[in-house]
Amino acid sequence: MLGFVLSLVLALAGCGGGGGDTQANGSGVGSGGTGSYTNGPVSGLGSIIVNGVRYDVSGAVVHRDDDADDSVRHDASEVKVGMVVAVSGSGIVPAGTGVLPVAAAYTVRYGSSLIGPVSAVDGAGASITVLGQTVRITSKTVQPASLSVNDVVEVHGLADAMGGYTATRIDTLAGSTSTYKIVALVDGVDSQAMRLGLNGNLTVSYAALSLPVGVTPGARVRVWFGANQVNGQWSATRILVDQPLVSDREEASLEGLITSLPQNSLMRVDGALVDVSRLSLPTLALGERVRVEGRLQAGVLVATELEGPNALEREETELFGAVSQLTGQTFVVRGVTVAYTPSVVEGNLANGACVEVHGQGYNADGQLLATEVNVHSSCN
């Protein structure tokens, strides 16, 4: 069934995909570019699952935002669970009950929020500090078994409006790193001193660069800077203003933290503009995690649906692929170690078996806790 649906997606992608208008509160939404756009953490692999849609990445062009040259291509296998990605693809094809809707990805862009050394670890508060930024860790954060002060880490996550991040994935980097990085909101531009204020507590000099158009207070930027301070300050080597891959799509979704509460029917989620005029909104709070769905028009997501943190907390991680390293009550699928109990397994689990894994959170060893493991006859 799943292979048939994916084949259908690829066939529709060749015809341009597309979908009808979505309505909320009786108001229609104007037309946008054909296809879909999504931005959020990867919640599953095989191909990749983002914001409740399984995107086939077999024909996608994959970019990493750390590459200065956009012509550099990456393999889709580099995209891991917990990484935050932007995907431009075909129209979304609904599937059967209990099966995720699917689409074909045309372009995938991935990148981290922070690269730098850990300066503090707060076990009780479930957080670490990186480059002066508080990084919150949840039960769904993919992370190493241990983190220590002076570890250089790469943090994938969602930024809030108060200088903090909720980590969706943390990786330790082996060896020395010559370049650090931050994705943050600009809170000030000092044109005389040629310095940027970021997230309220980090200052970076841009004296070695020409400041890109659009770097103004409130803009979301990606800044790379040397790992060694010069005259007591960080020196930027590259600055980009964060922008969506596309400006118009018929179907769009965004998962992130609320960085600006609604005002004149506009709010910001992860720094991106969202038009909420068609919604009856619940009470919202800065830093609350939400997912908005609708249509992307001129870079603004015109929302027809909003999911709050309770619904997102219930979502599971899903993995599709072949089993390896089966020992005791753990196995590996698509690079993720899964911890399971026999009661959740349906079928004959063995190395090489094709499985569909559902999991909820991670244990202290960084292993996905399986709630369901189904063995299939094929990995297609």
Protein backbone atom coordinates (compact mmCIF):
# COMPACT_ATOMS: atom_id res chain seq x y z
CA MET A 1 0.00 0.00 0.00
CA LEU A 2 2.73 2.43 0.97
CA GLY A 3 4.75 1.72 -2.17
CA PHE A 4 1.64 2.30 -4.30
CA VAL A 5 0.96 5.66 -2.64
CA LEU A 6 4.55 6.82 -3.17
CA SER A 7 4.37 5.79 -6.82
CA LEU A 8 1.18 7.80 -7.13
CA VAL A 9 2.92 10.83 -5.64
CA LEU A 10 5.75 10.65 -8.16
CA ALA A 11 3.23 10.35 -11.01
CA LEU A 12 1.32 13.39 -9.77
CA ALA A 13 4.55 15.32 -9.30
CA GLY A 14 5.28 14.86 -12.99
CA CYS A 15 1.88 16.41 -13.75
CA GLY A 16 2.43 19.40 -11.48
CA GLY A 17 0.55 18.17 -8.37
CA GLY A 18 -1.67 20.82 -6.86
CA GLY A 19 -4.81 20.90 -4.78
CA GLY A 20 -7.98 22.83 -4.12
CA ASP A 21 -8.54 25.87 -1.93
CA THR A 22 -8.80 25.30 1.81
CA GLN A 23 -11.29 27.25 3.85
CA ALA A 24 -11.51 28.21 7.51
CA ASN A 25 -14.31 30.14 9.20
CA GLY A 26 -16.02 30.39 5.80
CA SER A 27 -13.24 32.46 4.18
CA GLY A 28 -11.50 31.19 1.07
CA VAL A 29 -7.74 31.49 0.59
CA GLY A 30 -6.36 32.92 -2.63
CA SER A 31 -4.32 30.81 -5.00
CA GLY A 32 -0.58 30.29 -4.58
CA GLY A 33 2.18 28.40 -6.38
CA THR A 34 1.47 24.80 -7.28
CA GLY A 35 2.75 22.21 -4.82
CA SER A 36 3.68 22.17 -1.15
CA TYR A 37 6.14 23.77 1.26
CA THR A 38 6.96 22.69 4.78
CA ASN A 39 9.41 23.80 7.45
CA GLY A 40 10.00 21.94 10.70
CA PRO A 41 11.86 19.15 12.48
CA VAL A 42 12.23 15.75 10.83
CA SER A 43 10.10 13.33 12.86
CA GLY A 44 10.81 10.19 10.87
CA LEU A 45 12.88 8.55 8.16
CA GLY A 46 12.09 6.51 5.07
CA SER A 47 12.09 8.89 3.16
CA ILE A 48 11.64 11.88 5.55
CA ILE A 49 8.60 12.81 7.62
CA VAL A 50 8.04 16.50 8.35
CA ASN A 51 4.92 18.08 9.86
CA GLY A 52 2.90 14.90 9.40
CA VAL A 53 3.77 14.39 5.71
CA ARG A 54 6.05 11.68 4.35
CA TYR A 55 8.21 13.23 1.61
CA ASP A 56 9.87 10.97 -0.94
CA VAL A 57 13.41 12.41 -1.28
CA SER A 58 14.71 9.96 -3.89
CA GLY A 59 14.74 12.68 -6.56
CA ALA A 60 15.28 15.73 -4.37
CA VAL A 61 18.08 18.28 -4.57
CA VAL A 62 19.48 18.54 -1.05
CA HIS A 63 21.24 21.68 0.23
CA ARG A 64 23.01 22.37 3.51
CA ASP A 65 22.91 25.98 4.62
CA ASP A 66 26.55 25.86 5.80
CA ASP A 67 27.67 25.65 2.17
CA ALA A 68 28.61 29.05 0.77
CA ASP A 69 28.07 27.72 -2.76
CA ASP A 70 24.46 26.77 -3.58
CA SER A 71 25.67 24.45 -6.32
CA VAL A 72 26.92 21.96 -3.71
CA ARG A 73 24.62 18.95 -3.48
CA HIS A 74 24.22 16.56 -0.58
CA ASP A 75 22.91 13.04 -0.22
CA ALA A 76 19.46 12.71 1.35
CA SER A 77 20.91 10.19 3.84
CA GLU A 78 22.61 13.12 5.60
CA VAL A 79 19.20 14.33 6.81
CA LYS A 80 18.60 12.87 10.28
CA VAL A 81 15.74 12.71 12.78
CA GLY A 82 15.47 16.00 14.68
CA MET A 83 17.12 18.15 12.02
CA VAL A 84 15.06 21.18 11.03
CA VAL A 85 14.44 21.23 7.29
CA ALA A 86 12.65 23.26 4.65
CA VAL A 87 11.05 21.23 1.85
CA SER A 88 9.58 22.35 -1.45
CA GLY A 89 7.65 19.58 -3.17
CA SER A 90 4.65 18.29 -5.05
CA GLY A 91 1.06 18.50 -3.93
CA ILE A 92 0.22 16.34 -0.91
CA VAL A 93 -1.68 13.11 -1.55
CA PRO A 94 -3.94 11.93 1.30
CA ALA A 95 -3.53 8.27 2.29
CA GLY A 96 -5.67 5.71 4.06
CA THR A 97 -6.63 5.68 7.72
CA GLY A 98 -3.56 5.46 9.92
CA VAL A 99 -1.21 6.13 6.98
CA LEU A 100 0.58 9.45 6.56
CA PRO A 101 -0.18 11.64 3.53
CA VAL A 102 2.69 11.69 1.05
CA ALA A 103 4.40 14.02 -1.41
CA ALA A 104 7.53 14.12 -3.55
CA ALA A 105 10.27 16.50 -2.41
CA TYR A 106 11.88 18.67 -5.08
CA THR A 107 14.28 20.61 -2.83
CA VAL A 108 15.35 20.00 0.77
CA ARG A 109 17.42 22.48 2.81
CA TYR A 110 18.76 21.59 6.23
CA GLY A 111 20.91 23.39 8.75
CA SER A 112 21.56 23.78 12.46
CA SER A 113 20.70 26.63 14.82
CA LEU A 114 23.92 26.73 16.85
CA ILE A 115 27.48 25.50 16.58
CA GLY A 116 29.75 26.21 19.52
CA PRO A 117 31.15 25.03 22.84
CA VAL A 118 29.03 24.03 25.83
CA SER A 119 29.73 26.43 28.70
CA ALA A 120 27.23 25.01 31.22
CA VAL A 121 25.15 21.87 31.76
CA ASP A 122 22.03 22.09 33.93
CA GLY A 123 20.82 18.55 34.58
CA ALA A 124 17.98 19.64 36.85
CA GLY A 125 16.75 22.25 34.40
CA ALA A 126 17.30 19.96 31.39
CA SER A 127 19.30 22.55 29.49
CA ILE A 128 22.78 23.45 28.29
CA THR A 129 24.33 26.81 27.47
CA VAL A 130 26.02 27.34 24.09
CA LEU A 131 27.41 30.73 23.03
CA GLY A 132 25.50 32.28 25.91
CA GLN A 133 22.22 30.80 24.64
CA THR A 134 19.99 28.56 26.76
CA VAL A 135 19.23 25.33 24.92
CA ARG A 136 16.31 23.40 26.39
CA ILE A 137 16.29 19.61 26.12
CA THR A 138 13.05 17.63 26.06
CA SER A 139 12.18 13.93 26.05
CA LYS A 140 11.98 14.15 22.25
CA THR A 141 15.43 15.69 21.74
CA VAL A 142 17.79 13.40 19.85
CA GLN A 143 21.06 13.72 21.78
CA PRO A 144 24.26 11.94 22.84
CA ALA A 145 24.23 9.79 25.98
CA SER A 146 26.18 12.53 27.78
CA LEU A 147 27.07 16.20 27.32
CA SER A 148 29.89 17.99 29.12
CA VAL A 149 31.27 21.50 29.44
CA ASN A 150 33.70 22.30 26.57
CA ASP A 151 32.05 19.80 24.21
CA VAL A 152 31.62 21.48 20.83
CA VAL A 153 28.07 20.77 19.71
CA GLU A 154 25.80 21.32 16.75
CA VAL A 155 22.27 22.13 17.89
CA HIS A 156 19.23 21.73 15.66
CA GLY A 157 16.15 23.31 17.09
CA LEU A 158 13.52 26.01 17.33
CA ALA A 159 14.33 29.54 18.48
CA ASP A 160 12.07 31.58 20.74
CA ALA A 161 11.78 35.35 21.11
CA MET A 162 13.68 35.47 24.38
CA GLY A 163 17.14 34.29 23.36
CA GLY A 164 16.60 30.57 23.87
CA TYR A 165 16.16 27.39 21.86
CA THR A 166 14.27 24.13 22.18
CA ALA A 167 16.62 21.47 20.85
CA THR A 168 15.26 18.84 18.50
CA ARG A 169 18.69 17.28 17.90
CA ILE A 170 22.16 17.74 19.42
CA ASP A 171 25.35 16.26 17.94
CA THR A 172 28.85 16.51 19.37
CA LEU A 173 31.49 17.47 16.81
CA ALA A 174 34.72 15.53 16.75
CA GLY A 175 37.97 17.49 16.72
CA SER A 176 38.39 21.23 16.58
CA THR A 177 35.89 23.50 14.82
CA SER A 178 37.16 26.70 13.22
CA THR A 179 33.72 28.23 12.64
CA TYR A 180 30.82 28.76 15.02
CA LYS A 181 27.26 29.59 14.01
CA ILE A 182 24.01 31.03 15.31
CA VAL A 183 20.53 31.41 13.84
CA ALA A 184 18.92 34.28 15.73
CA LEU A 185 16.77 37.37 15.67
CA VAL A 186 18.53 40.72 15.19
CA ASP A 187 17.83 43.05 18.09
CA GLY A 188 20.15 45.86 17.06
CA VAL A 189 22.47 47.09 14.31
CA ASP A 190 25.29 49.45 15.32
CA SER A 191 26.40 50.81 11.94
CA GLN A 192 29.21 52.93 13.44
CA ALA A 193 30.84 50.11 15.39
CA MET A 194 29.73 47.60 12.70
CA ARG A 195 28.23 45.19 15.21
CA LEU A 196 25.07 43.12 15.33
CA GLY A 197 23.14 42.41 18.51
CA LEU A 198 21.61 38.94 18.42
CA ASN A 199 19.06 37.36 20.77
CA GLY A 200 19.65 40.08 23.35
CA ASN A 201 22.93 38.66 24.64
CA LEU A 202 25.37 38.04 21.78
CA THR A 203 27.28 40.66 19.79
CA VAL A 204 29.05 39.90 16.51
CA SER A 205 31.22 42.26 14.47
CA TYR A 206 30.52 42.48 10.75
CA ALA A 207 33.49 44.75 9.96
CA ALA A 208 34.94 42.17 7.56
CA LEU A 209 31.72 41.97 5.53
CA SER A 210 29.23 43.99 3.57
CA LEU A 211 26.01 43.80 5.55
CA PRO A 212 23.31 42.06 3.44
CA VAL A 213 20.09 43.87 2.62
CA GLY A 214 17.38 43.03 5.12
CA VAL A 215 19.55 42.79 8.23
CA THR A 216 17.38 44.98 10.43
CA PRO A 217 15.98 44.64 13.97
CA GLY A 218 13.52 41.74 14.07
CA ALA A 219 15.00 39.94 11.06
CA ARG A 220 15.98 36.30 11.46
CA VAL A 221 19.56 35.76 10.32
CA ARG A 222 22.13 33.00 10.06
CA VAL A 223 25.58 34.14 11.15
CA TRP A 224 28.86 32.25 10.89
CA PHE A 225 31.92 33.54 12.77
CA GLY A 226 35.45 32.49 13.64
CA ALA A 227 35.86 30.23 16.67
CA ASN A 228 38.49 32.56 18.12
CA GLN A 229 37.55 36.04 19.22
CA VAL A 230 39.44 39.03 17.75
CA ASN A 231 40.05 41.89 20.20
CA GLY A 232 37.52 40.35 22.54
CA GLN A 233 34.68 40.02 20.04
CA TRP A 234 33.31 37.51 17.58
CA SER A 235 33.97 38.36 13.92
CA ALA A 236 31.39 37.31 11.32
CA THR A 237 32.60 35.51 8.20
CA ARG A 238 29.16 35.14 6.60
CA ILE A 239 25.64 36.48 7.21
CA LEU A 240 22.41 35.39 5.54
CA VAL A 241 18.87 36.68 6.04
CA ASP A 242 16.65 33.66 6.61
CA GLN A 243 14.07 33.18 3.86
CA PRO A 244 11.74 30.37 2.78
CA LEU A 245 12.76 28.26 -0.20
CA VAL A 246 9.72 29.54 -2.11
CA SER A 247 7.34 32.48 -1.76
CA ASP A 248 4.09 30.85 -2.97
CA ARG A 249 2.67 27.36 -2.49
CA GLU A 250 -0.88 26.01 -2.41
CA GLU A 251 -0.13 23.85 0.64
CA ALA A 252 2.23 24.99 3.38
CA SER A 253 3.05 24.16 6.98
CA LEU A 254 5.42 25.50 9.61
CA GLU A 255 6.33 24.15 13.04
CA GLY A 256 8.15 26.37 15.50
CA LEU A 257 7.94 28.50 18.61
CA ILE A 258 5.81 31.64 18.70
CA THR A 259 8.22 34.57 18.45
CA SER A 260 5.59 37.32 18.15
CA LEU A 261 1.99 37.25 19.36
CA PRO A 262 -0.87 38.16 16.98
CA GLN A 263 -1.22 41.83 16.17
CA ASN A 264 -3.43 43.08 13.34
CA SER A 265 -4.00 39.41 12.39
CA LEU A 266 -0.26 38.75 11.96
CA MET A 267 2.01 36.72 14.22
CA ARG A 268 5.46 35.18 13.88
CA VAL A 269 6.36 31.53 14.30
CA ASP A 270 10.10 30.85 14.38
CA GLY A 271 10.49 34.37 12.98
CA ALA A 272 8.25 33.72 9.95
CA LEU A 273 5.12 35.80 9.28
CA VAL A 274 1.79 34.00 9.69
CA ASP A 275 -1.59 35.52 8.76
CA VAL A 276 -4.10 34.22 11.34
CA SER A 277 -7.09 36.30 10.20
CA ARG A 278 -8.99 33.14 9.16
CA LEU A 279 -8.60 31.39 12.51
CA SER A 280 -10.45 31.46 15.81
CA LEU A 281 -7.37 31.50 18.00
CA PRO A 282 -6.97 29.97 21.44
CA THR A 283 -4.96 31.86 24.06
CA LEU A 284 -1.34 31.84 22.90
CA ALA A 285 1.94 32.54 24.68
CA LEU A 286 5.39 33.58 23.51
CA GLY A 287 7.63 30.55 23.17
CA GLU A 288 4.71 28.15 22.77
CA ARG A 289 5.31 25.41 20.21
CA VAL A 290 2.75 25.32 17.40
CA ARG A 291 2.23 24.05 13.90
CA VAL A 292 0.37 26.19 11.38
CA GLU A 293 -0.96 24.98 8.05
CA GLY A 294 -2.43 26.82 5.11
CA ARG A 295 -1.12 28.48 1.98
CA LEU A 296 2.12 30.39 1.38
CA GLN A 297 1.52 33.71 -0.37
CA ALA A 298 4.31 36.21 -1.03
CA GLY A 299 6.32 34.61 1.77
CA VAL A 300 3.47 34.86 4.32
CA LEU A 301 1.79 31.68 5.55
CA VAL A 302 -1.97 32.28 5.42
CA ALA A 303 -3.10 29.87 8.12
CA THR A 304 -6.23 27.74 7.99
CA GLU A 305 -5.27 25.44 10.87
CA LEU A 306 -3.20 25.70 14.05
CA GLU A 307 -2.09 22.83 16.29
CA GLY A 308 -0.91 23.53 19.82
CA PRO A 309 1.79 21.94 21.97
CA ASN A 310 -0.44 19.20 23.40
CA ALA A 311 -1.19 17.75 19.96
CA LEU A 312 2.46 18.00 18.90
CA GLU A 313 3.63 16.29 22.10
CA ARG A 314 1.52 13.23 21.24
CA GLU A 315 3.09 12.78 17.81
CA GLU A 316 5.41 9.83 17.40
CA THR A 317 8.70 9.34 15.62
CA GLU A 318 8.37 6.93 12.69
CA LEU A 319 11.09 4.93 10.98
CA PHE A 320 10.86 2.73 7.87
CA GLY A 321 13.79 0.54 6.85
CA ALA A 322 15.88 -2.58 7.39
CA VAL A 323 16.95 -3.84 10.81
CA SER A 324 20.63 -4.14 11.71
CA GLN A 325 22.64 -4.74 14.88
CA LEU A 326 19.83 -6.66 16.57
CA THR A 327 21.08 -7.53 20.05
CA GLY A 328 19.07 -8.11 23.21
CA GLN A 329 16.22 -5.62 23.07
CA THR A 330 17.72 -2.99 20.78
CA PHE A 331 18.26 -2.71 17.05
CA VAL A 332 19.26 -0.04 14.53
CA VAL A 333 17.19 1.24 11.62
CA ARG A 334 18.35 4.13 9.42
CA GLY A 335 21.08 4.98 11.92
CA VAL A 336 18.70 5.26 14.89
CA THR A 337 19.05 2.86 17.83
CA VAL A 338 15.64 1.58 18.92
CA ALA A 339 14.87 0.10 22.34
CA TYR A 340 11.88 -2.28 22.37
CA THR A 341 10.05 -4.91 24.35
CA PRO A 342 8.76 -8.11 22.68
CA SER A 343 5.15 -7.08 23.38
CA VAL A 344 5.31 -4.22 20.85
CA VAL A 345 6.61 -6.37 17.97
CA GLU A 346 4.32 -7.81 15.31
CA GLY A 347 6.13 -10.29 13.08
CA ASN A 348 9.50 -12.02 13.03
CA LEU A 349 12.13 -9.46 13.99
CA ALA A 350 15.58 -10.25 12.57
CA ASN A 351 18.59 -8.56 11.02
CA GLY A 352 17.65 -7.51 7.50
CA ALA A 353 13.92 -7.53 8.22
CA CYS A 354 11.96 -4.54 6.93
CA VAL A 355 10.17 -2.74 9.73
CA GLU A 356 7.88 0.17 10.46
CA VAL A 357 8.76 1.60 13.89
CA HIS A 358 6.71 4.00 15.98
CA GLY A 359 8.39 5.55 19.01
CA GLN A 360 7.72 8.09 21.71
CA GLY A 361 10.71 9.86 23.24
CA TYR A 362 14.23 8.71 24.04
CA ASN A 363 15.82 7.00 27.03
CA ALA A 364 18.97 8.09 28.91
CA ASP A 365 21.13 6.29 26.33
CA GLY A 366 19.61 8.27 23.47
CA GLN A 367 17.64 5.27 22.16
CA LEU A 368 14.18 5.69 20.64
CA LEU A 369 11.56 4.01 22.85
CA ALA A 370 9.44 1.90 20.51
CA THR A 371 5.69 1.78 21.05
CA GLU A 372 5.07 -0.35 17.94
CA VAL A 373 7.27 -2.41 15.60
CA ASN A 374 5.64 -3.95 12.52
CA VAL A 375 7.64 -6.32 10.33
CA HIS A 376 6.82 -6.05 6.60
CA SER A 377 7.68 -8.26 3.65
CA SER A 378 9.31 -5.41 1.74
CA CYS A 379 11.10 -2.11 2.47
CA ASN A 380 9.47 -0.36 -0.50
